[in-house]
C-alpha atoms as a PDB file:
ATOM      1  CA  MET A   1     -26.283 -63.233 -14.810  1.00  0.00           C
ATOM      2  CA  PRO A   2     -25.794 -63.664 -18.558  1.00  0.00           C
ATOM      3  CA  PRO A   3     -25.324 -60.390 -20.447  1.00  0.00           C
ATOM      4  CA  THR A   4     -28.447 -61.096 -22.543  1.00  0.00           C
ATOM      5  CA  ALA A   5     -30.727 -61.423 -19.484  1.00  0.00           C
ATOM      6  CA  THR A   6     -33.242 -58.639 -19.004  1.00  0.00           C
ATOM      7  CA  ALA A   7     -33.339 -57.206 -15.508  1.00  0.00           C
ATOM      8  CA  SER A   8     -36.585 -57.750 -13.607  1.00  0.00           C
ATOM      9  CA  VAL A   9     -35.771 -54.785 -11.378  1.00  0.00           C
ATOM     10  CA  ARG A  10     -33.410 -51.935 -12.162  1.00  0.00           C
ATOM     11  CA  VAL A  11     -32.453 -49.294  -9.584  1.00  0.00           C
ATOM     12  CA  SER A  12     -30.368 -46.423 -10.956  1.00  0.00           C
ATOM     13  CA  HIS A  13     -28.619 -43.716  -8.905  1.00  0.00           C
ATOM     14  CA  LEU A  14     -31.228 -43.751  -6.138  1.00  0.00           C
ATOM     15  CA  ALA A  15     -30.949 -41.029  -3.488  1.00  0.00           C
ATOM     16  CA  LYS A  16     -33.222 -40.096  -0.608  1.00  0.00           C
ATOM     17  CA  ASN A  17     -32.685 -37.523   2.128  1.00  0.00           C
ATOM     18  CA  TYR A  18     -34.598 -36.841   5.322  1.00  0.00           C
ATOM     19  CA  GLY A  19     -33.661 -33.266   6.032  1.00  0.00           C
ATOM     20  CA  PRO A  20     -29.876 -33.226   6.498  1.00  0.00           C
ATOM     21  CA  VAL A  21     -29.709 -37.036   6.750  1.00  0.00           C
ATOM     22  CA  GLU A  22     -28.658 -38.857   3.572  1.00  0.00           C
ATOM     23  CA  ALA A  23     -30.497 -42.176   3.974  1.00  0.00           C
ATOM     24  CA  VAL A  24     -29.623 -43.497   0.506  1.00  0.00           C
ATOM     25  CA  ARG A  25     -26.866 -42.137  -1.731  1.00  0.00           C
ATOM     26  CA  ASP A  26     -26.409 -43.024  -5.396  1.00  0.00           C
ATOM     27  CA  VAL A  27     -27.591 -46.627  -5.041  1.00  0.00           C
ATOM     28  CA  SER A  28     -27.721 -48.732  -8.210  1.00  0.00           C
ATOM     29  CA  PHE A  29     -28.335 -52.454  -8.681  1.00  0.00           C
ATOM     30  CA  GLU A  30     -30.257 -54.926 -10.853  1.00  0.00           C
ATOM     31  CA  LEU A  31     -32.239 -58.084 -10.132  1.00  0.00           C
ATOM     32  CA  PHE A  32     -32.516 -60.825 -12.722  1.00  0.00           C
ATOM     33  CA  PRO A  33     -35.154 -63.551 -13.135  1.00  0.00           C
ATOM     34  CA  GLY A  34     -34.720 -66.609 -10.937  1.00  0.00           C
ATOM     35  CA  GLU A  35     -32.091 -65.192  -8.587  1.00  0.00           C
ATOM     36  CA  ILE A  36     -31.908 -64.082  -4.970  1.00  0.00           C
ATOM     37  CA  PHE A  37     -30.159 -60.736  -4.679  1.00  0.00           C
ATOM     38  CA  GLY A  38     -29.150 -59.856  -1.141  1.00  0.00           C
ATOM     39  CA  LEU A  39     -29.117 -56.273   0.087  1.00  0.00           C
ATOM     40  CA  LEU A  40     -26.815 -56.740   3.048  1.00  0.00           C
ATOM     41  CA  GLY A  41     -26.349 -54.020   5.614  1.00  0.00           C
ATOM     42  CA  GLN A  42     -26.393 -53.248   9.295  1.00  0.00           C
ATOM     43  CA  ASN A  43     -29.376 -51.527  10.859  1.00  0.00           C
ATOM     44  CA  GLY A  44     -29.483 -47.928   9.636  1.00  0.00           C
ATOM     45  CA  ALA A  45     -27.587 -48.669   6.416  1.00  0.00           C
ATOM     46  CA  GLY A  46     -30.519 -47.607   4.208  1.00  0.00           C
ATOM     47  CA  LYS A  47     -32.212 -50.937   3.451  1.00  0.00           C
ATOM     48  CA  THR A  48     -35.697 -49.917   4.587  1.00  0.00           C
ATOM     49  CA  THR A  49     -35.638 -46.640   2.642  1.00  0.00           C
ATOM     50  CA  THR A  50     -34.526 -48.507  -0.476  1.00  0.00           C
ATOM     51  CA  ILE A  51     -37.398 -50.986  -0.093  1.00  0.00           C
ATOM     52  CA  GLU A  52     -39.940 -48.213   0.462  1.00  0.00           C
ATOM     53  CA  CYS A  53     -38.799 -46.509  -2.731  1.00  0.00           C
ATOM     54  CA  LEU A  54     -38.951 -49.825  -4.612  1.00  0.00           C
ATOM     55  CA  LEU A  55     -42.552 -50.307  -3.509  1.00  0.00           C
ATOM     56  CA  GLY A  56     -43.562 -46.750  -4.315  1.00  0.00           C
ATOM     57  CA  LEU A  57     -44.177 -45.969  -0.645  1.00  0.00           C
ATOM     58  CA  ARG A  58     -41.638 -43.130  -0.823  1.00  0.00           C
ATOM     59  CA  SER A  59     -40.497 -41.045  -3.756  1.00  0.00           C
ATOM     60  CA  PRO A  60     -36.743 -40.821  -4.263  1.00  0.00           C
ATOM     61  CA  ASP A  61     -35.159 -37.396  -4.465  1.00  0.00           C
ATOM     62  CA  VAL A  62     -32.980 -38.592  -7.334  1.00  0.00           C
ATOM     63  CA  GLY A  63     -32.848 -41.717  -9.468  1.00  0.00           C
ATOM     64  CA  THR A  64     -35.154 -44.145 -11.235  1.00  0.00           C
ATOM     65  CA  ILE A  65     -36.649 -47.552 -10.453  1.00  0.00           C
ATOM     66  CA  THR A  66     -38.174 -49.855 -13.044  1.00  0.00           C
ATOM     67  CA  ILE A  67     -40.102 -53.055 -12.358  1.00  0.00           C
ATOM     68  CA  GLN A  68     -40.129 -55.227 -15.484  1.00  0.00           C
ATOM     69  CA  GLU A  69     -39.498 -52.077 -17.528  1.00  0.00           C
ATOM     70  CA  ILE A  70     -42.308 -50.151 -15.763  1.00  0.00           C
ATOM     71  CA  ASP A  71     -41.232 -46.896 -14.108  1.00  0.00           C
ATOM     72  CA  ILE A  72     -42.455 -47.069 -10.518  1.00  0.00           C
ATOM     73  CA  GLN A  73     -42.929 -43.290 -10.335  1.00  0.00           C
ATOM     74  CA  ALA A  74     -44.745 -42.993 -13.667  1.00  0.00           C
ATOM     75  CA  ASP A  75     -47.094 -45.964 -13.155  1.00  0.00           C
ATOM     76  CA  PRO A  76     -46.889 -47.143  -9.530  1.00  0.00           C
ATOM     77  CA  ALA A  77     -50.117 -49.161  -9.519  1.00  0.00           C
ATOM     78  CA  ARG A  78     -49.115 -51.223 -12.557  1.00  0.00           C
ATOM     79  CA  ALA A  79     -45.589 -51.751 -11.247  1.00  0.00           C
ATOM     80  CA  ARG A  80     -46.803 -52.887  -7.824  1.00  0.00           C
ATOM     81  CA  GLN A  81     -48.996 -55.555  -9.431  1.00  0.00           C
ATOM     82  CA  ARG A  82     -45.780 -57.385 -10.376  1.00  0.00           C
ATOM     83  CA  VAL A  83     -44.375 -57.358  -6.825  1.00  0.00           C
ATOM     84  CA  GLY A  84     -45.093 -59.118  -3.540  1.00  0.00           C
ATOM     85  CA  ALA A  85     -43.570 -57.858  -0.306  1.00  0.00           C
ATOM     86  CA  GLN A  86     -43.009 -59.098   3.207  1.00  0.00           C
ATOM     87  CA  LEU A  87     -42.051 -56.130   5.371  1.00  0.00           C
ATOM     88  CA  GLN A  88     -40.418 -56.263   8.772  1.00  0.00           C
ATOM     89  CA  SER A  89     -43.147 -53.971  10.115  1.00  0.00           C
ATOM     90  CA  ALA A  90     -45.953 -56.302   8.944  1.00  0.00           C
ATOM     91  CA  ALA A  91     -48.731 -56.987  11.467  1.00  0.00           C
ATOM     92  CA  LEU A  92     -52.204 -58.508  11.568  1.00  0.00           C
ATOM     93  CA  GLN A  93     -55.109 -58.328  13.984  1.00  0.00           C
ATOM     94  CA  ASP A  94     -54.670 -60.716  16.907  1.00  0.00           C
ATOM     95  CA  LYS A  95     -57.777 -62.801  16.245  1.00  0.00           C
ATOM     96  CA  ILE A  96     -57.695 -63.046  12.467  1.00  0.00           C
ATOM     97  CA  THR A  97     -56.873 -66.550  11.226  1.00  0.00           C
ATOM     98  CA  PRO A  98     -54.430 -67.437   8.422  1.00  0.00           C
ATOM     99  CA  GLN A  99     -57.347 -68.539   6.260  1.00  0.00           C
ATOM    100  CA  GLU A 100     -59.216 -65.269   6.850  1.00  0.00           C
ATOM    101  CA  ALA A 101     -56.085 -63.177   6.239  1.00  0.00           C
ATOM    102  CA  LEU A 102     -55.366 -64.914   2.941  1.00  0.00           C
ATOM    103  CA  GLN A 103     -58.980 -64.608   1.794  1.00  0.00           C
ATOM    104  CA  LEU A 104     -58.984 -60.909   2.722  1.00  0.00           C
ATOM    105  CA  PHE A 105     -55.785 -60.199   0.800  1.00  0.00           C
ATOM    106  CA  ALA A 106     -57.020 -62.307  -2.132  1.00  0.00           C
ATOM    107  CA  SER A 107     -60.041 -60.018  -2.442  1.00  0.00           C
ATOM    108  CA  PHE A 108     -57.712 -57.143  -3.346  1.00  0.00           C
ATOM    109  CA  TYR A 109     -56.567 -58.761  -6.614  1.00  0.00           C
ATOM    110  CA  PRO A 110     -58.408 -59.782  -9.783  1.00  0.00           C
ATOM    111  CA  LYS A 111     -56.487 -63.053 -10.166  1.00  0.00           C
ATOM    112  CA  PRO A 112     -55.177 -64.123  -6.763  1.00  0.00           C
ATOM    113  CA  ALA A 113     -53.319 -67.325  -5.994  1.00  0.00           C
ATOM    114  CA  ASP A 114     -55.298 -70.193  -4.488  1.00  0.00           C
ATOM    115  CA  THR A 115     -55.449 -69.670  -0.718  1.00  0.00           C
ATOM    116  CA  ASP A 116     -55.663 -73.375   0.140  1.00  0.00           C
ATOM    117  CA  SER A 117     -52.578 -74.069  -1.948  1.00  0.00           C
ATOM    118  CA  LEU A 118     -50.670 -71.341  -0.116  1.00  0.00           C
ATOM    119  CA  LEU A 119     -51.690 -72.761   3.261  1.00  0.00           C
ATOM    120  CA  THR A 120     -50.342 -76.134   2.138  1.00  0.00           C
ATOM    121  CA  GLN A 121     -47.178 -74.715   0.603  1.00  0.00           C
ATOM    122  CA  PHE A 122     -46.247 -72.876   3.792  1.00  0.00           C
ATOM    123  CA  GLY A 123     -47.210 -75.625   6.209  1.00  0.00           C
ATOM    124  CA  LEU A 124     -50.144 -73.745   7.700  1.00  0.00           C
ATOM    125  CA  THR A 125     -53.034 -76.087   6.925  1.00  0.00           C
ATOM    126  CA  ASP A 126     -53.283 -77.264  10.531  1.00  0.00           C
ATOM    127  CA  LYS A 127     -53.273 -73.624  11.704  1.00  0.00           C
ATOM    128  CA  ALA A 128     -55.687 -72.317   9.073  1.00  0.00           C
ATOM    129  CA  ARG A 129     -58.368 -71.478  11.668  1.00  0.00           C
ATOM    130  CA  ALA A 130     -56.068 -70.578  14.565  1.00  0.00           C
ATOM    131  CA  PRO A 131     -56.005 -66.933  15.723  1.00  0.00           C
ATOM    132  CA  PHE A 132     -52.919 -65.002  14.651  1.00  0.00           C
ATOM    133  CA  ASP A 133     -51.812 -64.316  18.218  1.00  0.00           C
ATOM    134  CA  SER A 134     -51.594 -68.081  18.902  1.00  0.00           C
ATOM    135  CA  LEU A 135     -49.089 -68.709  16.095  1.00  0.00           C
ATOM    136  CA  SER A 136     -45.383 -69.173  16.758  1.00  0.00           C
ATOM    137  CA  GLY A 137     -42.876 -66.682  15.373  1.00  0.00           C
ATOM    138  CA  GLY A 138     -41.961 -69.012  12.522  1.00  0.00           C
ATOM    139  CA  GLN A 139     -45.618 -69.629  11.648  1.00  0.00           C
ATOM    140  CA  LYS A 140     -46.307 -65.894  11.585  1.00  0.00           C
ATOM    141  CA  GLN A 141     -43.389 -65.312   9.217  1.00  0.00           C
ATOM    142  CA  ARG A 142     -44.553 -68.130   6.947  1.00  0.00           C
ATOM    143  CA  LEU A 143     -48.002 -66.533   6.885  1.00  0.00           C
ATOM    144  CA  PHE A 144     -46.530 -63.156   5.919  1.00  0.00           C
ATOM    145  CA  LEU A 145     -44.628 -64.875   3.097  1.00  0.00           C
ATOM    146  CA  ALA A 146     -47.851 -66.534   1.932  1.00  0.00           C
ATOM    147  CA  LEU A 147     -49.580 -63.145   1.964  1.00  0.00           C
ATOM    148  CA  ALA A 148     -46.740 -61.694  -0.121  1.00  0.00           C
ATOM    149  CA  LEU A 149     -47.492 -64.338  -2.763  1.00  0.00           C
ATOM    150  CA  ILE A 150     -51.267 -63.860  -2.822  1.00  0.00           C
ATOM    151  CA  ASN A 151     -51.086 -61.886  -6.082  1.00  0.00           C
ATOM    152  CA  ASP A 152     -48.797 -64.557  -7.609  1.00  0.00           C
ATOM    153  CA  PRO A 153     -45.971 -62.046  -8.211  1.00  0.00           C
ATOM    154  CA  GLU A 154     -42.865 -62.743 -10.243  1.00  0.00           C
ATOM    155  CA  ILE A 155     -40.825 -60.468  -7.962  1.00  0.00           C
ATOM    156  CA  LEU A 156     -40.673 -60.803  -4.193  1.00  0.00           C
ATOM    157  CA  ILE A 157     -39.191 -58.337  -1.706  1.00  0.00           C
ATOM    158  CA  LEU A 158     -38.325 -59.774   1.708  1.00  0.00           C
ATOM    159  CA  ASP A 159     -37.320 -57.456   4.551  1.00  0.00           C
ATOM    160  CA  GLU A 160     -35.456 -59.287   7.346  1.00  0.00           C
ATOM    161  CA  PRO A 161     -37.750 -62.348   7.030  1.00  0.00           C
ATOM    162  CA  THR A 162     -35.942 -64.393   9.679  1.00  0.00           C
ATOM    163  CA  ALA A 163     -35.286 -61.666  12.256  1.00  0.00           C
ATOM    164  CA  GLY A 164     -35.933 -62.962  15.752  1.00  0.00           C
ATOM    165  CA  LEU A 165     -36.503 -66.584  14.733  1.00  0.00           C
ATOM    166  CA  ASP A 166     -34.775 -69.490  16.457  1.00  0.00           C
ATOM    167  CA  PRO A 167     -32.317 -71.575  14.368  1.00  0.00           C
ATOM    168  CA  GLN A 168     -34.851 -74.280  13.475  1.00  0.00           C
ATOM    169  CA  ALA A 169     -37.506 -71.795  12.325  1.00  0.00           C
ATOM    170  CA  ARG A 170     -34.814 -69.859  10.435  1.00  0.00           C
ATOM    171  CA  ARG A 171     -33.669 -72.972   8.568  1.00  0.00           C
ATOM    172  CA  GLU A 172     -37.247 -73.798   7.612  1.00  0.00           C
ATOM    173  CA  LEU A 173     -37.765 -70.301   6.220  1.00  0.00           C
ATOM    174  CA  HIS A 174     -34.470 -70.549   4.334  1.00  0.00           C
ATOM    175  CA  ARG A 175     -35.743 -73.734   2.690  1.00  0.00           C
ATOM    176  CA  ILE A 176     -38.936 -71.961   1.640  1.00  0.00           C
ATOM    177  CA  ILE A 177     -37.069 -68.924   0.261  1.00  0.00           C
ATOM    178  CA  ALA A 178     -34.712 -71.166  -1.736  1.00  0.00           C
ATOM    179  CA  GLY A 179     -37.791 -72.901  -3.132  1.00  0.00           C
ATOM    180  CA  LEU A 180     -39.171 -69.569  -4.350  1.00  0.00           C
ATOM    181  CA  LYS A 181     -36.020 -69.060  -6.409  1.00  0.00           C
ATOM    182  CA  SER A 182     -36.252 -72.606  -7.748  1.00  0.00           C
ATOM    183  CA  ALA A 183     -39.791 -71.803  -8.887  1.00  0.00           C
ATOM    184  CA  GLY A 184     -38.370 -68.995 -11.047  1.00  0.00           C
ATOM    185  CA  ARG A 185     -39.271 -66.006  -8.896  1.00  0.00           C
ATOM    186  CA  THR A 186     -36.944 -63.054  -8.494  1.00  0.00           C
ATOM    187  CA  VAL A 187     -36.198 -62.336  -4.832  1.00  0.00           C
ATOM    188  CA  LEU A 188     -34.729 -59.251  -3.179  1.00  0.00           C
ATOM    189  CA  LEU A 189     -33.616 -60.314   0.292  1.00  0.00           C
ATOM    190  CA  CYS A 190     -32.803 -57.477   2.682  1.00  0.00           C
ATOM    191  CA  THR A 191     -30.889 -58.772   5.675  1.00  0.00           C
ATOM    192  CA  HIS A 192     -28.241 -57.960   8.245  1.00  0.00           C
ATOM    193  CA  ASN A 193     -27.528 -61.663   8.772  1.00  0.00           C
ATOM    194  CA  LEU A 194     -24.176 -62.502   7.190  1.00  0.00           C
ATOM    195  CA  GLU A 195     -24.683 -66.262   7.190  1.00  0.00           C
ATOM    196  CA  GLU A 196     -28.145 -65.890   5.655  1.00  0.00           C
ATOM    197  CA  ALA A 197     -26.819 -63.714   2.839  1.00  0.00           C
ATOM    198  CA  SER A 198     -23.923 -66.057   2.122  1.00  0.00           C
ATOM    199  CA  THR A 199     -26.143 -69.162   2.143  1.00  0.00           C
ATOM    200  CA  LEU A 200     -29.153 -67.949   0.150  1.00  0.00           C
ATOM    201  CA  CYS A 201     -28.019 -65.230  -2.233  1.00  0.00           C
ATOM    202  CA  ASN A 202     -26.696 -65.574  -5.763  1.00  0.00           C
ATOM    203  CA  ARG A 203     -25.364 -62.037  -5.588  1.00  0.00           C
ATOM    204  CA  ILE A 204     -24.994 -59.501  -2.789  1.00  0.00           C
ATOM    205  CA  GLY A 205     -24.853 -55.731  -2.604  1.00  0.00           C
ATOM    206  CA  ILE A 206     -23.247 -54.504   0.619  1.00  0.00           C
ATOM    207  CA  LEU A 207     -25.031 -51.353   1.755  1.00  0.00           C
ATOM    208  CA  HIS A 208     -23.105 -49.120   4.153  1.00  0.00           C
ATOM    209  CA  GLN A 209     -24.079 -45.612   5.227  1.00  0.00           C
ATOM    210  CA  GLY A 210     -26.527 -45.331   2.347  1.00  0.00           C
ATOM    211  CA  ARG A 211     -24.155 -46.524  -0.390  1.00  0.00           C
ATOM    212  CA  ILE A 212     -23.534 -49.868  -2.050  1.00  0.00           C
ATOM    213  CA  ILE A 213     -19.815 -50.304  -1.486  1.00  0.00           C
ATOM    214  CA  ALA A 214     -19.451 -53.700  -3.205  1.00  0.00           C
ATOM    215  CA  SER A 215     -21.596 -56.032  -5.283  1.00  0.00           C
ATOM    216  CA  ALA A 216     -20.823 -59.544  -6.554  1.00  0.00           C
ATOM    217  CA  THR A 217     -21.442 -63.180  -5.707  1.00  0.00           C
ATOM    218  CA  PRO A 218     -20.516 -64.151  -2.122  1.00  0.00           C
ATOM    219  CA  ALA A 219     -17.542 -66.160  -3.412  1.00  0.00           C
ATOM    220  CA  GLU A 220     -16.324 -63.260  -5.577  1.00  0.00           C
ATOM    221  CA  LEU A 221     -16.576 -60.791  -2.702  1.00  0.00           C
ATOM    222  CA  ILE A 222     -14.562 -63.072  -0.436  1.00  0.00           C
ATOM    223  CA  ALA A 223     -11.995 -63.785  -3.177  1.00  0.00           C
ATOM    224  CA  LYS A 224     -11.446 -60.048  -3.717  1.00  0.00           C
ATOM    225  CA  ALA A 225     -10.762 -59.492  -0.030  1.00  0.00           C
ATOM    226  CA  HIS A 226      -7.209 -59.735   1.219  1.00  0.00           C
ATOM    227  CA  ALA A 227      -8.230 -61.973   4.119  1.00  0.00           C
ATOM    228  CA  HIS A 228      -6.645 -65.425   4.098  1.00  0.00           C
ATOM    229  CA  PRO A 229      -7.758 -68.699   5.643  1.00  0.00           C
ATOM    230  CA  TRP A 230      -6.340 -69.472   9.062  1.00  0.00           C
ATOM    231  CA  ILE A 231      -5.914 -72.393  11.392  1.00  0.00           C
ATOM    232  CA  SER A 232      -6.132 -72.449  15.161  1.00  0.00           C
ATOM    233  CA  PHE A 233      -4.588 -75.326  17.077  1.00  0.00           C
ATOM    234  CA  ARG A 234      -3.277 -76.572  20.421  1.00  0.00           C
ATOM    235  CA  THR A 235      -0.400 -78.934  21.055  1.00  0.00           C
ATOM    236  CA  ALA A 236       0.447 -81.231  23.958  1.00  0.00           C
ATOM    237  CA  ARG A 237       3.595 -79.228  24.741  1.00  0.00           C
ATOM    238  CA  PRO A 238       4.221 -75.513  24.105  1.00  0.00           C
ATOM    239  CA  LEU A 239       5.378 -74.722  20.569  1.00  0.00           C
ATOM    240  CA  ASP A 240       7.958 -71.993  20.074  1.00  0.00           C
ATOM    241  CA  SER A 241       6.928 -69.194  17.701  1.00  0.00           C
ATOM    242  CA  ALA A 242      10.222 -69.607  15.837  1.00  0.00           C
ATOM    243  CA  ARG A 243       8.990 -72.991  14.624  1.00  0.00           C
ATOM    244  CA  LEU A 244       5.917 -71.352  13.134  1.00  0.00           C
ATOM    245  CA  ALA A 245       7.925 -68.677  11.361  1.00  0.00           C
ATOM    246  CA  VAL A 246       9.432 -71.285   9.003  1.00  0.00           C
ATOM    247  CA  LEU A 247       6.079 -72.731   7.926  1.00  0.00           C
ATOM    248  CA  PRO A 248       5.447 -72.180   4.176  1.00  0.00           C
ATOM    249  CA  ASN A 249       2.836 -69.687   3.014  1.00  0.00           C
ATOM    250  CA  VAL A 250       2.219 -68.314   6.524  1.00  0.00           C
ATOM    251  CA  THR A 251       1.390 -64.607   6.484  1.00  0.00           C
ATOM    252  CA  SER A 252       1.016 -64.146  10.252  1.00  0.00           C
ATOM    253  CA  HIS A 253       0.799 -66.044  13.507  1.00  0.00           C
ATOM    254  CA  LYS A 254      -0.218 -65.106  17.030  1.00  0.00           C
ATOM    255  CA  PRO A 255      -0.979 -66.799  20.341  1.00  0.00           C
ATOM    256  CA  GLU A 256      -4.594 -67.857  20.889  1.00  0.00           C
ATOM    257  CA  GLY A 257      -5.450 -69.106  24.362  1.00  0.00           C
ATOM    258  CA  ASN A 258      -3.235 -72.111  25.002  1.00  0.00           C
ATOM    259  CA  GLY A 259      -2.417 -72.485  21.329  1.00  0.00           C
ATOM    260  CA  TRP A 260      -1.756 -70.553  18.136  1.00  0.00           C
ATOM    261  CA  GLN A 261      -3.630 -68.919  15.294  1.00  0.00           C
ATOM    262  CA  VAL A 262      -1.838 -69.070  11.951  1.00  0.00           C
ATOM    263  CA  GLU A 263      -2.946 -67.244   8.807  1.00  0.00           C
ATOM    264  CA  THR A 264      -1.863 -68.859   5.550  1.00  0.00           C
ATOM    265  CA  THR A 265      -2.373 -68.670   1.812  1.00  0.00           C
ATOM    266  CA  GLU A 266      -2.148 -72.477   1.462  1.00  0.00           C
ATOM    267  CA  ILE A 267      -3.989 -74.375   4.189  1.00  0.00           C
ATOM    268  CA  ASN A 268      -2.949 -77.899   3.111  1.00  0.00           C
ATOM    269  CA  ARG A 269       0.757 -77.115   2.713  1.00  0.00           C
ATOM    270  CA  THR A 270       0.883 -75.335   6.046  1.00  0.00           C
ATOM    271  CA  ILE A 271      -0.856 -78.170   7.909  1.00  0.00           C
ATOM    272  CA  SER A 272       1.412 -80.774   6.301  1.00  0.00           C
ATOM    273  CA  SER A 273       4.513 -78.833   7.301  1.00  0.00           C
ATOM    274  CA  LEU A 274       3.157 -78.280  10.805  1.00  0.00           C
ATOM    275  CA  ALA A 275       2.575 -82.031  11.195  1.00  0.00           C
ATOM    276  CA  ARG A 276       6.190 -82.750  10.193  1.00  0.00           C
ATOM    277  CA  ILE A 277       7.480 -80.204  12.724  1.00  0.00           C
ATOM    278  CA  LEU A 278       5.418 -81.734  15.507  1.00  0.00           C
ATOM    279  CA  GLU A 279       6.608 -85.216  14.564  1.00  0.00           C
ATOM    280  CA  ALA A 280      10.232 -84.068  14.614  1.00  0.00           C
ATOM    281  CA  ASP A 281       9.712 -82.436  18.008  1.00  0.00           C
ATOM    282  CA  LYS A 282       7.860 -85.539  19.311  1.00  0.00           C
ATOM    283  CA  ASN A 283       4.961 -83.190  20.056  1.00  0.00           C
ATOM    284  CA  GLU A 284       1.276 -83.974  19.598  1.00  0.00           C
ATOM    285  CA  MET A 285      -1.637 -82.056  18.095  1.00  0.00           C
ATOM    286  CA  LEU A 286      -4.540 -81.830  20.560  1.00  0.00           C
ATOM    287  CA  ASP A 287      -6.998 -80.093  18.262  1.00  0.00           C
ATOM    288  CA  LEU A 288      -7.023 -78.118  15.028  1.00  0.00           C
ATOM    289  CA  GLN A 289      -9.684 -75.972  13.399  1.00  0.00           C
ATOM    290  CA  ILE A 290      -9.720 -74.511   9.892  1.00  0.00           C
ATOM    291  CA  HIS A 291     -11.354 -71.115   9.317  1.00  0.00           C
ATOM    292  CA  GLN A 292     -12.220 -69.712   5.901  1.00  0.00           C
ATOM    293  CA  PRO A 293     -12.675 -65.970   5.196  1.00  0.00           C
ATOM    294  CA  THR A 294     -16.278 -64.788   5.420  1.00  0.00           C
ATOM    295  CA  LEU A 295     -18.398 -61.829   4.393  1.00  0.00           C
ATOM    296  CA  GLU A 296     -17.592 -60.330   7.782  1.00  0.00           C
ATOM    297  CA  ASP A 297     -13.931 -60.167   6.744  1.00  0.00           C
ATOM    298  CA  VAL A 298     -15.000 -58.461   3.513  1.00  0.00           C
ATOM    299  CA  PHE A 299     -17.040 -55.879   5.430  1.00  0.00           C
ATOM    300  CA  ILE A 300     -14.203 -55.154   7.859  1.00  0.00           C
ATOM    301  CA  GLU A 301     -11.754 -54.683   4.988  1.00  0.00           C
ATOM    302  CA  LEU A 302     -14.094 -52.371   3.068  1.00  0.00           C
ATOM    303  CA  THR A 303     -15.208 -50.210   6.003  1.00  0.00           C
ATOM    304  CA  GLY A 304     -12.575 -50.587   8.680  1.00  0.00           C
ATOM    305  CA  GLN A 305     -15.416 -51.348  11.094  1.00  0.00           C
ATOM    306  CA  ALA A 306     -16.492 -54.489  12.885  1.00  0.00           C
ATOM    307  CA  TRP A 307     -19.786 -56.035  11.851  1.00  0.00           C
ATOM    308  CA  SER A 308     -22.518 -55.640  14.445  1.00  0.00           C
ATOM    309  CA  GLU A 309     -25.824 -57.508  14.418  1.00  0.00           C
ATOM    310  CA  ASP A 310     -28.677 -56.417  16.646  1.00  0.00           C
ATOM    311  CA  LYS A 311     -30.145 -59.723  17.777  1.00  0.00           C
ATOM    312  CA  PRO A 312     -33.779 -59.569  18.850  1.00  0.00           C
ATOM    313  CA  GLU A 313     -35.154 -62.201  21.187  1.00  0.00           C
ATOM    314  CA  GLU A 314     -35.498 -65.461  19.301  1.00  0.00           C
ATOM    315  CA  THR A 315     -38.883 -67.101  18.792  1.00  0.00           C
ATOM    316  CA  SER A 316     -39.874 -70.369  17.200  1.00  0.00           C
END
């Protein structure tokens, strides 16, 4: 974000304990207008506690939170008027319809968004009078997003919005979330989905054991990691490891199934040299795949731990 931009949300040195458990420890970050900031962490990292403090549902033990320069602890009602939230724990009565739910939530605000427009925006017009328990998982999540926008907030907090959705429903929700940013809203996206964070977020804060251990754009985080691209390939005839040792820019190589995995600092040079070696040996490439470093590599480097995603049953 440009240095002259004013933060829409500012979290400073946030800490929250539950007895001896330190749920959040010295967490600081800022959200700027028109961006998606990802709070990326595994289950239990402290994302939910951070959200609850942001919404004024819990009071931090230490630290401050301001929403458009309003201190959430000093004036929680005024601060919450600027925010919409979709929480992972959200639920509605089984027989309430999307139209009824939106009209109910609209009655809580002096200047709500138009409910018919929200139904159209989120593709729920055909389901406006359908009971909630008849909606698919993706339709339910789109309804919860519509409800989060009923007060026409400038700031939106999304807690695992695509958890449990099948790939098609997840892609549709990604399109909607990207559209919210394009409309100028500020979005805090809490997720444990690495691909989702990398695809949607302008910047990411990696939350681990209650602390933000790194924060930057996805590309900057990956660039700072020491992980290199790698190629995996198979050849028609076995290839001696000594031939791989002379490839330029190769940092490591190891067997992978019936082929090899080669890590390199220069993908194109390494592949070109490999092709010349195979030609000289009258050998043939059967298949080759290129792999770029990911946020998972960043997490492993920072924590020394493998990334683990709890995957609930997928719904559409």
